[in-house]
Protein backbone atom coordinates (compact mmCIF):
# COMPACT_ATOMS: atom_id res chain seq x y z
CA MET A 1 -123.63 -7.40 192.19
CA GLY A 2 -124.05 -10.90 193.61
CA ILE A 3 -121.38 -13.59 193.73
CA VAL A 4 -122.57 -15.30 190.53
CA GLU A 5 -122.73 -12.06 188.54
CA GLU A 6 -119.32 -11.05 189.83
CA PHE A 7 -117.72 -14.28 188.68
CA MET A 8 -119.44 -14.21 185.29
CA ALA A 9 -118.32 -10.63 184.71
CA SER A 10 -114.69 -11.53 185.32
CA LYS A 11 -112.22 -13.60 183.32
CA ARG A 12 -111.73 -15.99 186.20
CA VAL A 13 -114.15 -18.56 184.81
CA GLU A 14 -112.36 -18.66 181.48
CA ASP A 15 -109.03 -19.00 183.30
CA CYS A 16 -110.34 -22.05 185.17
CA PHE A 17 -111.00 -23.90 181.94
CA ARG A 18 -107.70 -22.81 180.47
CA GLY A 19 -105.91 -24.46 183.39
CA ALA A 20 -108.04 -27.63 183.51
CA VAL A 21 -106.73 -31.05 182.56
CA ALA A 22 -108.38 -32.68 179.55
CA LYS A 23 -109.47 -36.30 179.95
CA LYS A 24 -111.89 -38.63 178.18
CA PHE A 25 -114.07 -41.33 179.71
CA ALA A 26 -116.51 -43.85 178.30
CA GLY A 27 -120.21 -43.34 178.96
CA LYS A 28 -122.36 -40.24 179.41
CA LEU A 29 -121.45 -37.99 182.33
CA LYS A 30 -124.29 -38.03 184.89
CA GLY A 31 -122.70 -36.59 188.00
CA LEU A 32 -119.69 -34.78 189.46
CA ILE A 33 -118.07 -34.14 192.80
CA VAL A 34 -116.30 -30.79 192.49
CA PRO A 35 -114.55 -28.39 194.91
CA HIS A 36 -115.87 -24.96 195.86
CA ALA A 37 -112.90 -22.91 197.03
CA GLY A 38 -111.90 -19.67 195.33
CA TYR A 39 -111.40 -20.10 191.60
CA ILE A 40 -107.68 -19.38 191.86
CA TYR A 41 -107.30 -22.39 194.15
CA SER A 42 -109.73 -25.03 192.92
CA GLY A 43 -111.43 -23.64 189.82
CA SER A 44 -109.35 -25.65 187.39
CA VAL A 45 -110.06 -28.87 189.28
CA ALA A 46 -113.79 -28.24 189.02
CA ALA A 47 -113.47 -27.16 185.38
CA ALA A 48 -111.77 -30.47 184.54
CA GLY A 49 -115.08 -32.11 185.36
CA TYR A 50 -117.34 -29.51 183.80
CA ARG A 51 -115.53 -29.69 180.50
CA LEU A 52 -116.70 -33.32 180.25
CA MET A 53 -120.30 -32.06 179.96
CA LYS A 54 -121.69 -31.61 176.45
CA LYS A 55 -124.06 -28.79 175.64
CA GLY A 56 -127.37 -30.22 174.49
CA ASP A 57 -127.12 -33.35 176.66
CA TYR A 58 -128.90 -31.83 179.66
CA ASP A 59 -132.00 -29.78 180.43
CA ARG A 60 -131.37 -29.49 184.17
CA VAL A 61 -128.44 -29.50 186.58
CA VAL A 62 -129.05 -30.23 190.26
CA VAL A 63 -126.26 -28.75 192.40
CA ILE A 64 -126.05 -30.23 195.89
CA GLY A 65 -124.36 -28.09 198.50
CA PHE A 66 -124.48 -27.43 202.23
CA TYR A 67 -124.42 -24.47 204.56
CA HIS A 68 -121.07 -23.33 205.94
CA GLY A 69 -122.85 -20.74 208.07
CA GLY A 70 -121.96 -17.66 206.06
CA THR A 71 -124.36 -14.93 205.00
CA GLU A 72 -124.07 -15.82 201.30
CA GLU A 73 -123.50 -19.54 200.95
CA HIS A 74 -120.90 -20.31 198.28
CA SER A 75 -120.82 -24.10 198.01
CA VAL A 76 -123.45 -23.97 195.25
CA LYS A 77 -123.07 -20.40 194.00
CA VAL A 78 -119.49 -20.81 192.77
CA GLN A 79 -120.56 -23.74 190.58
CA ILE A 80 -123.18 -21.82 188.60
CA PRO A 81 -120.86 -19.70 186.41
CA LEU A 82 -118.78 -22.77 185.53
CA ILE A 83 -121.89 -24.74 184.56
CA LYS A 84 -123.28 -21.89 182.46
CA TYR A 85 -119.92 -21.42 180.73
CA ILE A 86 -120.30 -24.91 179.24
CA LEU A 87 -124.05 -25.45 179.00
CA GLY A 88 -125.21 -21.90 178.32
CA GLU A 89 -127.23 -19.28 180.18
CA GLU A 90 -130.53 -21.01 179.49
CA ILE A 91 -129.71 -24.20 181.43
CA GLU A 92 -132.04 -24.86 184.38
CA ILE A 93 -130.07 -25.05 187.64
CA GLU A 94 -131.70 -26.38 190.81
CA GLU A 95 -129.95 -25.55 194.09
CA LYS A 96 -130.29 -28.20 196.79
CA TYR A 97 -128.78 -27.80 200.27
CA VAL A 98 -128.53 -30.94 202.40
CA ASP A 99 -127.60 -31.86 205.97
CA LYS A 100 -128.26 -35.57 205.51
CA THR A 101 -128.26 -38.12 202.69
CA VAL A 102 -131.25 -37.54 200.43
CA ASP A 103 -132.72 -39.33 197.44
CA PHE A 104 -134.48 -37.95 194.37
CA GLU A 105 -135.29 -38.95 190.82
CA VAL A 106 -132.87 -38.25 187.99
CA ASP A 107 -133.97 -38.56 184.37
CA ASP A 108 -131.80 -38.89 181.27
CA ARG A 109 -131.63 -35.12 180.78
CA THR A 110 -130.50 -34.30 184.34
CA MET A 111 -126.95 -33.79 185.59
CA VAL A 112 -126.09 -33.92 189.32
CA VAL A 113 -123.25 -31.97 190.95
CA ALA A 114 -122.08 -32.46 194.55
CA SER A 115 -119.98 -29.63 195.99
CA SER A 116 -117.19 -30.52 198.43
CA ASP A 117 -113.55 -29.84 199.20
CA LEU A 118 -111.39 -32.56 200.74
CA SER A 119 -109.05 -32.33 203.76
CA HIS A 120 -108.47 -28.94 205.38
CA TYR A 121 -105.29 -27.32 206.71
CA GLN A 122 -103.11 -30.38 207.08
CA PRO A 123 -99.41 -30.59 206.14
CA LEU A 124 -99.14 -31.56 202.48
CA GLU A 125 -97.89 -35.10 203.13
CA VAL A 126 -100.73 -35.75 205.58
CA ALA A 127 -103.33 -34.16 203.31
CA GLU A 128 -102.32 -36.30 200.35
CA LYS A 129 -102.69 -39.48 202.41
CA LEU A 130 -106.07 -38.40 203.80
CA ASP A 131 -107.32 -37.38 200.37
CA LYS A 132 -106.14 -40.62 198.78
CA ARG A 133 -108.17 -42.52 201.37
CA THR A 134 -111.19 -40.30 200.78
CA ILE A 135 -111.02 -40.70 197.01
CA GLU A 136 -110.64 -44.48 197.28
CA ALA A 137 -113.69 -44.61 199.56
CA ILE A 138 -115.76 -42.57 197.10
CA LEU A 139 -114.65 -44.69 194.16
CA SER A 140 -115.72 -47.83 196.05
CA ARG A 141 -119.34 -46.54 196.27
CA ASP A 142 -119.42 -48.14 199.73
CA GLU A 143 -121.59 -45.84 201.86
CA GLU A 144 -120.24 -47.12 205.17
CA LYS A 145 -116.65 -46.75 203.99
CA ILE A 146 -117.31 -43.17 202.89
CA HIS A 147 -118.88 -42.43 206.29
CA GLN A 148 -115.90 -43.86 208.14
CA GLU A 149 -112.95 -42.76 205.99
CA ALA A 150 -113.85 -39.67 203.99
CA ASP A 151 -112.33 -36.40 205.20
CA ALA A 152 -114.44 -33.84 203.33
CA CYS A 153 -116.51 -30.80 204.29
CA GLY A 154 -119.33 -31.75 201.92
CA ILE A 155 -119.88 -35.25 203.25
CA TRP A 156 -123.68 -35.08 202.82
CA PRO A 157 -123.53 -33.97 199.18
CA ILE A 158 -121.00 -36.76 198.59
CA LEU A 159 -123.18 -39.38 200.29
CA THR A 160 -126.20 -38.13 198.34
CA ILE A 161 -124.53 -38.46 194.94
CA ASN A 162 -123.16 -41.83 196.04
CA ARG A 163 -126.69 -43.00 196.78
CA LEU A 164 -127.79 -41.88 193.32
CA ALA A 165 -124.77 -43.59 191.75
CA LYS A 166 -125.74 -46.90 193.33
CA LYS A 167 -129.39 -46.41 192.42
CA TYR A 168 -128.67 -45.71 188.74
CA ASP A 169 -125.42 -47.71 188.49
CA TRP A 170 -123.19 -44.75 187.65
CA GLN A 171 -119.48 -45.54 187.63
CA PRO A 172 -117.17 -43.10 189.51
CA LYS A 173 -113.83 -42.12 187.99
CA LEU A 174 -111.16 -39.74 189.32
CA VAL A 175 -110.83 -36.75 186.99
CA ASP A 176 -108.34 -34.53 188.85
CA TYR A 177 -106.75 -33.94 192.25
CA ARG A 178 -104.68 -31.02 193.50
CA THR A 179 -103.99 -29.09 196.68
CA SER A 180 -103.77 -25.41 197.54
CA ALA A 181 -99.99 -25.79 197.84
CA GLU A 182 -99.76 -25.77 194.03
CA VAL A 183 -101.01 -22.17 194.11
CA THR A 184 -99.70 -20.80 197.40
CA GLY A 185 -96.44 -22.76 197.67
CA ASP A 186 -97.26 -23.23 201.37
CA LYS A 187 -97.07 -26.92 202.29
CA SER A 188 -97.63 -26.45 206.02
CA GLY A 189 -101.42 -26.31 205.92
CA VAL A 190 -103.15 -27.18 202.65
CA VAL A 191 -106.67 -27.86 201.41
CA GLY A 192 -107.31 -30.80 199.10
CA TYR A 193 -109.42 -30.50 195.95
CA GLY A 194 -110.73 -33.47 194.02
CA CYS A 195 -112.99 -33.95 191.02
CA ILE A 196 -114.77 -37.24 190.49
CA GLY A 197 -117.05 -37.96 187.56
CA TYR A 198 -119.95 -40.41 187.50
CA PHE A 199 -120.68 -42.08 184.19
CA GLU A 200 -123.43 -44.28 182.83
CA ARG A 201 -122.13 -47.78 182.39
CA TYR A 202 -120.66 -48.07 178.92
CA LEU A 203 -121.86 -51.15 177.07
């Protein structure tokens, strides 16, 4: 059983959505930055974004990840069960792995997901400051600022979705932010998890 089948066969996906915050934003959701750690740590942060998707609004989801170097890359794979939970098994999912900023066309029926965690293994107080800076850089849509200030493992997926956001004038909004300390209780070395949604400009 592969990683996707394993997750779908468990109740962990459902638990992610049960623990996700519920928010509303104006405009159609076109993109997300979501974390990719184990579901127990970051699944609810990712689910907070995925629950903003509406079944029937999309024909295709492009998931942008990157290679950590493992035998079975998880930055994209962990997203698939969460996407299918909301949009259904029939949704077309395109996996795209990047090691640079790329550009591609996005039509009205396409959703884009960039997979990235935030800061890694810093004391909680330090992590929160680093992550605040990263999130502010992403929300600015300033490519140079993201390059200089973002502390995130998936910097190329983030820069790619940022390029698309500027191209199509999507507006980024913070959906949720947490750290691993909320699960482990260990504040000495935490990982930051953020979810940012990109929305069509609401007129």
